[in-house]
Amino acid sequence: RFTISRDNAENTVYLQMHSLKLEETAVYSCAAARY
């Protein structure tokens, strides 16, 4: 249902969400890791 993607030229990561459910109400945060 969800697809994560990134555009390194634009320094952006995306999350495309489909068929969203009531229980998926939340604060969505992005995070970065080096390793």
Full PDB file with SEQRES, HELIX, SHEET, SSBOND, CRYST1, ORIGX, SCALE, CONECT and MASTER records, all heavy atoms in Angstrom:
SEQRES   1 A   35  ARG PHE THR ILE SER ARG ASP ASN ALA GLU ASN THR VAL          
SEQRES   2 A   35  TYR LEU GLN MET HIS SER LEU LYS LEU GLU GLU THR ALA          
SEQRES   3 A   35  VAL TYR SER CYS ALA ALA ALA ARG TYR                          
HELIX    1 AA1 LEU A   22  GLU A   24  5                                   3    
SHEET    1 AA1 2 PHE A   2  ASP A   7  0                                        
SHEET    2 AA1 2 THR A  12  MET A  17 -1                                        
CRYST1    1.000    1.000    1.000  90.00  90.00  90.00 P 1           1          
ORIGX1      1.000000  0.000000  0.000000        0.00000                         
ORIGX2      0.000000  1.000000  0.000000        0.00000                         
ORIGX3      0.000000  0.000000  1.000000        0.00000                         
SCALE1      1.000000  0.000000  0.000000        0.00000                         
SCALE2      0.000000  1.000000  0.000000        0.00000                         
SCALE3      0.000000  0.000000  1.000000        0.00000                         
ATOM      1  N   ARG A   1       0.803  -1.221   0.000  1.00  0.00           N  
ATOM      2  CA  ARG A   1       0.000   0.000   0.000  1.00  0.00           C  
ATOM      3  C   ARG A   1       0.833   1.267   0.000  1.00  0.00           C  
ATOM      4  O   ARG A   1       0.410   2.285  -0.543  1.00  0.00           O  
ATOM      5  CB  ARG A   1      -0.938   0.026   1.207  1.00  0.00           C  
ATOM      6  CG  ARG A   1      -1.955  -1.103   1.217  1.00  0.00           C  
ATOM      7  CD  ARG A   1      -2.968  -0.928   2.350  1.00  0.00           C  
ATOM      8  NE  ARG A   1      -2.317  -0.988   3.664  1.00  0.00           N  
ATOM      9  CZ  ARG A   1      -2.244   0.028   4.518  1.00  0.00           C  
ATOM     10  NH1 ARG A   1      -2.784   1.206   4.217  1.00  0.00           N  
ATOM     11  NH2 ARG A   1      -1.642  -0.130   5.687  1.00  0.00           N  
ATOM     12  N   PHE A   2       2.001   1.221   0.638  1.00  0.00           N  
ATOM     13  CA  PHE A   2       2.870   2.389   0.748  1.00  0.00           C  
ATOM     14  C   PHE A   2       4.101   2.196  -0.127  1.00  0.00           C  
ATOM     15  O   PHE A   2       4.589   1.070  -0.303  1.00  0.00           O  
ATOM     16  CB  PHE A   2       3.346   2.595   2.181  1.00  0.00           C  
ATOM     17  CG  PHE A   2       2.300   3.054   3.161  1.00  0.00           C  
ATOM     18  CD1 PHE A   2       0.945   3.046   2.858  1.00  0.00           C  
ATOM     19  CD2 PHE A   2       2.693   3.507   4.417  1.00  0.00           C  
ATOM     20  CE1 PHE A   2      -0.004   3.463   3.773  1.00  0.00           C  
ATOM     21  CE2 PHE A   2       1.759   3.929   5.344  1.00  0.00           C  
ATOM     22  CZ  PHE A   2       0.410   3.909   5.021  1.00  0.00           C  
ATOM     23  N   THR A   3       4.633   3.298  -0.644  1.00  0.00           N  
ATOM     24  CA  THR A   3       5.871   3.278  -1.415  1.00  0.00           C  
ATOM     25  C   THR A   3       6.784   4.390  -0.928  1.00  0.00           C  
ATOM     26  O   THR A   3       6.391   5.558  -0.910  1.00  0.00           O  
ATOM     27  CB  THR A   3       5.606   3.451  -2.912  1.00  0.00           C  
ATOM     28  OG1 THR A   3       4.739   2.417  -3.379  1.00  0.00           O  
ATOM     29  CG2 THR A   3       6.918   3.396  -3.693  1.00  0.00           C  
ATOM     30  N   ILE A   4       7.998   4.024  -0.542  1.00  0.00           N  
ATOM     31  CA  ILE A   4       9.013   5.007  -0.205  1.00  0.00           C  
ATOM     32  C   ILE A   4       9.906   5.219  -1.428  1.00  0.00           C  
ATOM     33  O   ILE A   4      10.240   4.271  -2.136  1.00  0.00           O  
ATOM     34  CB  ILE A   4       9.835   4.578   1.030  1.00  0.00           C  
ATOM     35  CG1 ILE A   4      10.777   5.703   1.475  1.00  0.00           C  
ATOM     36  CG2 ILE A   4      10.594   3.284   0.780  1.00  0.00           C  
ATOM     37  CD1 ILE A   4      11.457   5.436   2.819  1.00  0.00           C  
ATOM     38  N   SER A   5      10.274   6.453  -1.673  1.00  0.00           N  
ATOM     39  CA  SER A   5      11.157   6.775  -2.783  1.00  0.00           C  
ATOM     40  C   SER A   5      12.014   7.974  -2.398  1.00  0.00           C  
ATOM     41  O   SER A   5      11.740   8.649  -1.411  1.00  0.00           O  
ATOM     42  CB  SER A   5      10.361   7.058  -4.059  1.00  0.00           C  
ATOM     43  OG  SER A   5       9.508   8.176  -3.889  1.00  0.00           O  
ATOM     44  N   ARG A   6      13.055   8.218  -3.180  1.00  0.00           N  
ATOM     45  CA  ARG A   6      13.883   9.382  -2.919  1.00  0.00           C  
ATOM     46  C   ARG A   6      14.369   9.985  -4.220  1.00  0.00           C  
ATOM     47  O   ARG A   6      14.535   9.288  -5.225  1.00  0.00           O  
ATOM     48  CB  ARG A   6      15.067   9.031  -2.003  1.00  0.00           C  
ATOM     49  CG  ARG A   6      16.103   8.111  -2.617  1.00  0.00           C  
ATOM     50  CD  ARG A   6      17.068   7.584  -1.549  1.00  0.00           C  
ATOM     51  NE  ARG A   6      17.867   8.647  -0.955  1.00  0.00           N  
ATOM     52  CZ  ARG A   6      18.540   8.519   0.188  1.00  0.00           C  
ATOM     53  NH1 ARG A   6      18.495   7.371   0.866  1.00  0.00           N  
ATOM     54  NH2 ARG A   6      19.249   9.542   0.657  1.00  0.00           N  
ATOM     55  N   ASP A   7      14.605  11.275  -4.182  1.00  0.00           N  
ATOM     56  CA  ASP A   7      15.171  12.014  -5.299  1.00  0.00           C  
ATOM     57  C   ASP A   7      16.404  12.711  -4.758  1.00  0.00           C  
ATOM     58  O   ASP A   7      16.304  13.756  -4.114  1.00  0.00           O  
ATOM     59  CB  ASP A   7      14.161  13.005  -5.863  1.00  0.00           C  
ATOM     60  CG  ASP A   7      14.656  13.705  -7.111  1.00  0.00           C  
ATOM     61  OD1 ASP A   7      15.875  13.725  -7.358  1.00  0.00           O  
ATOM     62  OD2 ASP A   7      13.811  14.247  -7.856  1.00  0.00           O  
ATOM     63  N   ASN A   8      17.566  12.118  -4.986  1.00  0.00           N  
ATOM     64  CA  ASN A   8      18.789  12.666  -4.415  1.00  0.00           C  
ATOM     65  C   ASN A   8      19.159  14.021  -5.020  1.00  0.00           C  
ATOM     66  O   ASN A   8      19.835  14.822  -4.371  1.00  0.00           O  
ATOM     67  CB  ASN A   8      19.939  11.671  -4.570  1.00  0.00           C  
ATOM     68  CG  ASN A   8      19.829  10.510  -3.600  1.00  0.00           C  
ATOM     69  OD1 ASN A   8      19.037  10.533  -2.660  1.00  0.00           O  
ATOM     70  ND2 ASN A   8      20.629   9.479  -3.829  1.00  0.00           N  
ATOM     71  N   ALA A   9      18.744  14.276  -6.247  1.00  0.00           N  
ATOM     72  CA  ALA A   9      18.994  15.577  -6.853  1.00  0.00           C  
ATOM     73  C   ALA A   9      18.221  16.680  -6.152  1.00  0.00           C  
ATOM     74  O   ALA A   9      18.640  17.838  -6.150  1.00  0.00           O  
ATOM     75  CB  ALA A   9      18.654  15.551  -8.332  1.00  0.00           C  
ATOM     76  N   GLU A  10      17.078  16.322  -5.555  1.00  0.00           N  
ATOM     77  CA  GLU A  10      16.254  17.289  -4.841  1.00  0.00           C  
ATOM     78  C   GLU A  10      16.382  17.161  -3.327  1.00  0.00           C  
ATOM     79  O   GLU A  10      15.696  17.885  -2.594  1.00  0.00           O  
ATOM     80  CB  GLU A  10      14.792  17.128  -5.245  1.00  0.00           C  
ATOM     81  CG  GLU A  10      14.524  17.445  -6.709  1.00  0.00           C  
ATOM     82  CD  GLU A  10      14.717  18.906  -7.028  1.00  0.00           C  
ATOM     83  OE1 GLU A  10      14.526  19.757  -6.129  1.00  0.00           O  
ATOM     84  OE2 GLU A  10      15.073  19.218  -8.185  1.00  0.00           O  
ATOM     85  N   ASN A  11      17.222  16.266  -2.847  1.00  0.00           N  
ATOM     86  CA  ASN A  11      17.429  16.055  -1.407  1.00  0.00           C  
ATOM     87  C   ASN A  11      16.113  15.781  -0.683  1.00  0.00           C  
ATOM     88  O   ASN A  11      15.854  16.326   0.398  1.00  0.00           O  
ATOM     89  CB  ASN A  11      18.135  17.256  -0.776  1.00  0.00           C  
ATOM     90  CG  ASN A  11      19.552  17.436  -1.254  1.00  0.00           C  
ATOM     91  OD1 ASN A  11      20.175  16.511  -1.781  1.00  0.00           O  
ATOM     92  ND2 ASN A  11      20.091  18.633  -1.053  1.00  0.00           N  
ATOM     93  N   THR A  12      15.301  14.930  -1.274  1.00  0.00           N  
ATOM     94  CA  THR A  12      13.962  14.698  -0.747  1.00  0.00           C  
ATOM     95  C   THR A  12      13.634  13.210  -0.750  1.00  0.00           C  
ATOM     96  O   THR A  12      13.955  12.500  -1.706  1.00  0.00           O  
ATOM     97  CB  THR A  12      12.913  15.458  -1.562  1.00  0.00           C  
ATOM     98  OG1 THR A  12      13.237  16.858  -1.561  1.00  0.00           O  
ATOM     99  CG2 THR A  12      11.521  15.284  -0.977  1.00  0.00           C  
ATOM    100  N   VAL A  13      12.977  12.763   0.318  1.00  0.00           N  
ATOM    101  CA  VAL A  13      12.431  11.420   0.397  1.00  0.00           C  
ATOM    102  C   VAL A  13      10.918  11.537   0.513  1.00  0.00           C  
ATOM    103  O   VAL A  13      10.405  12.476   1.138  1.00  0.00           O  
ATOM    104  CB  VAL A  13      13.046  10.621   1.568  1.00  0.00           C  
ATOM    105  CG1 VAL A  13      12.720  11.268   2.910  1.00  0.00           C  
ATOM    106  CG2 VAL A  13      12.596   9.169   1.534  1.00  0.00           C  
ATOM    107  N   TYR A  14      10.206  10.595  -0.100  1.00  0.00           N  
ATOM    108  CA  TYR A  14       8.753  10.625  -0.157  1.00  0.00           C  
ATOM    109  C   TYR A  14       8.162   9.353   0.434  1.00  0.00           C  
ATOM    110  O   TYR A  14       8.794   8.298   0.454  1.00  0.00           O  
ATOM    111  CB  TYR A  14       8.271  10.737  -1.604  1.00  0.00           C  
ATOM    112  CG  TYR A  14       8.822  11.913  -2.358  1.00  0.00           C  
ATOM    113  CD1 TYR A  14       9.960  11.784  -3.144  1.00  0.00           C  
ATOM    114  CD2 TYR A  14       8.198  13.152  -2.290  1.00  0.00           C  
ATOM    115  CE1 TYR A  14      10.471  12.860  -3.843  1.00  0.00           C  
ATOM    116  CE2 TYR A  14       8.700  14.235  -2.992  1.00  0.00           C  
ATOM    117  CZ  TYR A  14       9.835  14.085  -3.767  1.00  0.00           C  
ATOM    118  OH  TYR A  14      10.334  15.161  -4.461  1.00  0.00           O  
ATOM    119  N   LEU A  15       6.935   9.474   0.884  1.00  0.00           N  
ATOM    120  CA  LEU A  15       6.142   8.307   1.242  1.00  0.00           C  
ATOM    121  C   LEU A  15       4.777   8.461   0.594  1.00  0.00           C  
ATOM    122  O   LEU A  15       4.012   9.354   0.967  1.00  0.00           O  
ATOM    123  CB  LEU A  15       6.001   8.163   2.758  1.00  0.00           C  
ATOM    124  CG  LEU A  15       5.302   6.889   3.226  1.00  0.00           C  
ATOM    125  CD1 LEU A  15       6.160   5.659   2.923  1.00  0.00           C  
ATOM    126  CD2 LEU A  15       4.983   6.957   4.716  1.00  0.00           C  
ATOM    127  N   GLN A  16       4.504   7.618  -0.394  1.00  0.00           N  
ATOM    128  CA  GLN A  16       3.206   7.583  -1.047  1.00  0.00           C  
ATOM    129  C   GLN A  16       2.349   6.538  -0.342  1.00  0.00           C  
ATOM    130  O   GLN A  16       2.725   5.370  -0.283  1.00  0.00           O  
ATOM    131  CB  GLN A  16       3.355   7.236  -2.522  1.00  0.00           C  
ATOM    132  CG  GLN A  16       2.037   7.122  -3.269  1.00  0.00           C  
ATOM    133  CD  GLN A  16       1.338   8.446  -3.406  1.00  0.00           C  
ATOM    134  OE1 GLN A  16       1.890   9.386  -3.978  1.00  0.00           O  
ATOM    135  NE2 GLN A  16       0.122   8.540  -2.889  1.00  0.00           N  
ATOM    136  N   MET A  17       1.212   6.961   0.177  1.00  0.00           N  
ATOM    137  CA  MET A  17       0.348   6.099   0.966  1.00  0.00           C  
ATOM    138  C   MET A  17      -0.983   5.926   0.251  1.00  0.00           C  
ATOM    139  O   MET A  17      -1.614   6.912  -0.136  1.00  0.00           O  
ATOM    140  CB  MET A  17       0.123   6.691   2.356  1.00  0.00           C  
ATOM    141  CG  MET A  17       1.414   6.887   3.141  1.00  0.00           C  
ATOM    142  SD  MET A  17       1.147   7.650   4.767  1.00  0.00           S  
ATOM    143  CE  MET A  17       0.855   9.350   4.261  1.00  0.00           C  
ATOM    144  N   HIS A  18      -1.403   4.678   0.081  1.00  0.00           N  
ATOM    145  CA  HIS A  18      -2.685   4.341  -0.524  1.00  0.00           C  
ATOM    146  C   HIS A  18      -3.515   3.520   0.454  1.00  0.00           C  
ATOM    147  O   HIS A  18      -2.995   2.875   1.350  1.00  0.00           O  
ATOM    148  CB  HIS A  18      -2.493   3.541  -1.810  1.00  0.00           C  
ATOM    149  CG  HIS A  18      -1.839   4.295  -2.921  1.00  0.00           C  
ATOM    150  ND1 HIS A  18      -2.407   5.400  -3.499  1.00  0.00           N  
ATOM    151  CD2 HIS A  18      -0.659   4.085  -3.564  1.00  0.00           C  
ATOM    152  CE1 HIS A  18      -1.616   5.851  -4.453  1.00  0.00           C  
ATOM    153  NE2 HIS A  18      -0.547   5.071  -4.512  1.00  0.00           N  
ATOM    154  N   SER A  19      -4.819   3.529   0.227  1.00  0.00           N  
ATOM    155  CA  SER A  19      -5.762   2.735   1.020  1.00  0.00           C  
ATOM    156  C   SER A  19      -5.555   2.954   2.513  1.00  0.00           C  
ATOM    157  O   SER A  19      -5.475   2.009   3.302  1.00  0.00           O  
ATOM    158  CB  SER A  19      -5.632   1.251   0.663  1.00  0.00           C  
ATOM    159  OG  SER A  19      -5.880   1.038  -0.709  1.00  0.00           O  
ATOM    160  N   LEU A  20      -5.495   4.199   2.908  1.00  0.00           N  
ATOM    161  CA  LEU A  20      -5.217   4.538   4.299  1.00  0.00           C  
ATOM    162  C   LEU A  20      -6.336   4.071   5.225  1.00  0.00           C  
ATOM    163  O   LEU A  20      -7.517   4.132   4.879  1.00  0.00           O  
ATOM    164  CB  LEU A  20      -4.999   6.033   4.446  1.00  0.00           C  
ATOM    165  CG  LEU A  20      -3.600   6.492   4.037  1.00  0.00           C  
ATOM    166  CD1 LEU A  20      -3.594   7.975   3.718  1.00  0.00           C  
ATOM    167  CD2 LEU A  20      -2.600   6.178   5.143  1.00  0.00           C  
ATOM    168  N   LYS A  21      -5.941   3.635   6.407  1.00  0.00           N  
ATOM    169  CA  LYS A  21      -6.843   3.105   7.413  1.00  0.00           C  
ATOM    170  C   LYS A  21      -6.932   4.052   8.598  1.00  0.00           C  
ATOM    171  O   LYS A  21      -5.999   4.801   8.882  1.00  0.00           O  
ATOM    172  CB  LYS A  21      -6.353   1.733   7.881  1.00  0.00           C  
ATOM    173  CG  LYS A  21      -6.173   0.726   6.767  1.00  0.00           C  
ATOM    174  CD  LYS A  21      -5.536  -0.553   7.281  1.00  0.00           C  
ATOM    175  CE  LYS A  21      -5.335  -1.550   6.163  1.00  0.00           C  
ATOM    176  NZ  LYS A  21      -4.700  -2.800   6.651  1.00  0.00           N  
ATOM    177  N   LEU A  22      -8.048   3.986   9.323  1.00  0.00           N  
ATOM    178  CA  LEU A  22      -8.255   4.857  10.472  1.00  0.00           C  
ATOM    179  C   LEU A  22      -7.121   4.739  11.483  1.00  0.00           C  
ATOM    180  O   LEU A  22      -6.682   5.749  12.049  1.00  0.00           O  
ATOM    181  CB  LEU A  22      -9.581   4.542  11.151  1.00  0.00           C  
ATOM    182  CG  LEU A  22     -10.854   4.926  10.408  1.00  0.00           C  
ATOM    183  CD1 LEU A  22     -12.066   4.424  11.176  1.00  0.00           C  
ATOM    184  CD2 LEU A  22     -10.936   6.434  10.216  1.00  0.00           C  
ATOM    185  N   GLU A  23      -6.657   3.529  11.724  1.00  0.00           N  
ATOM    186  CA  GLU A  23      -5.633   3.304  12.732  1.00  0.00           C  
ATOM    187  C   GLU A  23      -4.256   3.818  12.318  1.00  0.00           C  
ATOM    188  O   GLU A  23      -3.317   3.770  13.113  1.00  0.00           O  
ATOM    189  CB  GLU A  23      -5.542   1.819  13.099  1.00  0.00           C  
ATOM    190  CG  GLU A  23      -5.198   0.909  11.929  1.00  0.00           C  
ATOM    191  CD  GLU A  23      -6.414   0.311  11.253  1.00  0.00           C  
ATOM    192  OE1 GLU A  23      -7.463   0.990  11.184  1.00  0.00           O  
ATOM    193  OE2 GLU A  23      -6.327  -0.852  10.787  1.00  0.00           O  
ATOM    194  N   GLU A  24      -4.145   4.314  11.087  1.00  0.00           N  
ATOM    195  CA  GLU A  24      -2.880   4.877  10.627  1.00  0.00           C  
ATOM    196  C   GLU A  24      -2.782   6.380  10.851  1.00  0.00           C  
ATOM    197  O   GLU A  24      -1.821   7.010  10.398  1.00  0.00           O  
ATOM    198  CB  GLU A  24      -2.658   4.506   9.164  1.00  0.00           C  
ATOM    199  CG  GLU A  24      -2.409   3.009   9.022  1.00  0.00           C  
ATOM    200  CD  GLU A  24      -2.282   2.514   7.605  1.00  0.00           C  
ATOM    201  OE1 GLU A  24      -3.074   2.945   6.734  1.00  0.00           O  
ATOM    202  OE2 GLU A  24      -1.377   1.683   7.366  1.00  0.00           O  
ATOM    203  N   THR A  25      -3.760   6.939  11.544  1.00  0.00           N  
ATOM    204  CA  THR A  25      -3.638   8.312  12.012  1.00  0.00           C  
ATOM    205  C   THR A  25      -2.440   8.417  12.952  1.00  0.00           C  
ATOM    206  O   THR A  25      -2.344   7.680  13.930  1.00  0.00           O  
ATOM    207  CB  THR A  25      -4.913   8.746  12.734  1.00  0.00           C  
ATOM    208  OG1 THR A  25      -5.980   8.845  11.796  1.00  0.00           O  
ATOM    209  CG2 THR A  25      -4.726  10.097  13.413  1.00  0.00           C  
ATOM    210  N   ALA A  26      -1.517   9.315  12.649  1.00  0.00           N  
ATOM    211  CA  ALA A  26      -0.287   9.413  13.426  1.00  0.00           C  
ATOM    212  C   ALA A  26       0.509  10.614  12.962  1.00  0.00           C  
ATOM    213  O   ALA A  26       0.236  11.204  11.914  1.00  0.00           O  
ATOM    214  CB  ALA A  26       0.555   8.141  13.265  1.00  0.00           C  
ATOM    215  N   VAL A  27       1.514  10.956  13.760  1.00  0.00           N  
ATOM    216  CA  VAL A  27       2.550  11.869  13.315  1.00  0.00           C  
ATOM    217  C   VAL A  27       3.599  11.048  12.576  1.00  0.00           C  
ATOM    218  O   VAL A  27       4.164  10.108  13.142  1.00  0.00           O  
ATOM    219  CB  VAL A  27       3.182  12.632  14.487  1.00  0.00           C  
ATOM    220  CG1 VAL A  27       4.370  13.471  14.002  1.00  0.00           C  
ATOM    221  CG2 VAL A  27       2.152  13.527  15.165  1.00  0.00           C  
ATOM    222  N   TYR A  28       3.846  11.398  11.339  1.00  0.00           N  
ATOM    223  CA  TYR A  28       4.817  10.698  10.514  1.00  0.00           C  
ATOM    224  C   TYR A  28       6.106  11.497  10.482  1.00  0.00           C  
ATOM    225  O   TYR A  28       6.108  12.682  10.134  1.00  0.00           O  
ATOM    226  CB  TYR A  28       4.276  10.504   9.095  1.00  0.00           C  
ATOM    227  CG  TYR A  28       3.226   9.427   9.000  1.00  0.00           C  
ATOM    228  CD1 TYR A  28       1.970   9.602   9.566  1.00  0.00           C  
ATOM    229  CD2 TYR A  28       3.498   8.221   8.352  1.00  0.00           C  
ATOM    230  CE1 TYR A  28       1.005   8.614   9.499  1.00  0.00           C  
ATOM    231  CE2 TYR A  28       2.541   7.228   8.277  1.00  0.00           C  
ATOM    232  CZ  TYR A  28       1.304   7.428   8.847  1.00  0.00           C  
ATOM    233  OH  TYR A  28       0.348   6.432   8.773  1.00  0.00           O  
ATOM    234  N   SER A  29       7.216  10.853  10.847  1.00  0.00           N  
ATOM    235  CA  SER A  29       8.514  11.506  10.909  1.00  0.00           C  
ATOM    236  C   SER A  29       9.499  10.821   9.984  1.00  0.00           C  
ATOM    237  O   SER A  29       9.483   9.597   9.854  1.00  0.00           O  
ATOM    238  CB  SER A  29       9.070  11.472  12.334  1.00  0.00           C  
ATOM    239  OG  SER A  29       8.215  12.146  13.238  1.00  0.00           O  
ATOM    240  N   CYS A  30      10.365  11.591   9.367  1.00  0.00           N  
ATOM    241  CA  CYS A  30      11.457  10.997   8.609  1.00  0.00           C  
ATOM    242  C   CYS A  30      12.724  11.009   9.439  1.00  0.00           C  
ATOM    243  O   CYS A  30      12.882  11.812  10.366  1.00  0.00           O  
ATOM    244  CB  CYS A  30      11.663  11.694   7.258  1.00  0.00           C  
ATOM    245  SG  CYS A  30      12.259  13.392   7.343  1.00  0.00           S  
ATOM    246  N   ALA A  31      13.625  10.095   9.124  1.00  0.00           N  
ATOM    247  CA  ALA A  31      14.855   9.929   9.875  1.00  0.00           C  
ATOM    248  C   ALA A  31      15.981   9.543   8.933  1.00  0.00           C  
ATOM    249  O   ALA A  31      15.754   8.936   7.889  1.00  0.00           O  
ATOM    250  CB  ALA A  31      14.679   8.861  10.953  1.00  0.00           C  
ATOM    251  N   ALA A  32      17.206   9.890   9.329  1.00  0.00           N  
ATOM    252  CA  ALA A  32      18.398   9.618   8.531  1.00  0.00           C  
ATOM    253  C   ALA A  32      19.421   8.856   9.349  1.00  0.00           C  
ATOM    254  O   ALA A  32      19.634   9.160  10.526  1.00  0.00           O  
ATOM    255  CB  ALA A  32      19.001  10.920   8.022  1.00  0.00           C  
ATOM    256  N   ALA A  33      20.056   7.868   8.718  1.00  0.00           N  
ATOM    257  CA  ALA A  33      21.104   7.079   9.348  1.00  0.00           C  
ATOM    258  C   ALA A  33      22.301   6.980   8.418  1.00  0.00           C  
ATOM    259  O   ALA A  33      22.144   6.863   7.197  1.00  0.00           O  
ATOM    260  CB  ALA A  33      20.592   5.684   9.692  1.00  0.00           C  
ATOM    261  N   ARG A  34      23.491   6.976   8.999  1.00  0.00           N  
ATOM    262  CA  ARG A  34      24.716   6.908   8.209  1.00  0.00           C  
ATOM    263  C   ARG A  34      25.111   5.493   7.834  1.00  0.00           C  
ATOM    264  O   ARG A  34      25.731   5.270   6.798  1.00  0.00           O  
ATOM    265  CB  ARG A  34      25.874   7.547   8.987  1.00  0.00           C  
ATOM    266  CG  ARG A  34      25.792   9.058   9.137  1.00  0.00           C  
ATOM    267  CD  ARG A  34      25.990   9.761   7.799  1.00  0.00           C  
ATOM    268  NE  ARG A  34      27.250   9.399   7.149  1.00  0.00           N  
ATOM    269  CZ  ARG A  34      28.414   9.987   7.373  1.00  0.00           C  
ATOM    270  NH1 ARG A  34      28.491  10.998   8.244  1.00  0.00           N  
ATOM    271  NH2 ARG A  34      29.498   9.589   6.719  1.00  0.00           N  
ATOM    272  N   TYR A  35      24.764   4.491   8.652  1.00  0.00           N  
ATOM    273  CA  TYR A  35      25.445   3.207   8.584  1.00  0.00           C  
ATOM    274  C   TYR A  35      24.610   2.012   8.170  1.00  0.00           C  
ATOM    275  O   TYR A  35      25.181   0.987   7.781  1.00  0.00           O  
ATOM    276  CB  TYR A  35      26.092   2.909   9.940  1.00  0.00           C  
ATOM    277  CG  TYR A  35      27.026   3.989  10.391  1.00  0.00           C  
ATOM    278  CD1 TYR A  35      26.738   4.755  11.522  1.00  0.00           C  
ATOM    279  CD2 TYR A  35      28.192   4.255   9.689  1.00  0.00           C  
ATOM    280  CE1 TYR A  35      27.589   5.756  11.935  1.00  0.00           C  
ATOM    281  CE2 TYR A  35      29.051   5.261  10.094  1.00  0.00           C  
ATOM    282  CZ  TYR A  35      28.745   6.005  11.219  1.00  0.00           C  
ATOM    283  OH  TYR A  35      29.597   7.001  11.629  1.00  0.00           O  
TER     284      TYR A  35                                                      
MASTER        0    0    0    1    2    0    0    6  283    1    0    3          
END                                                                             
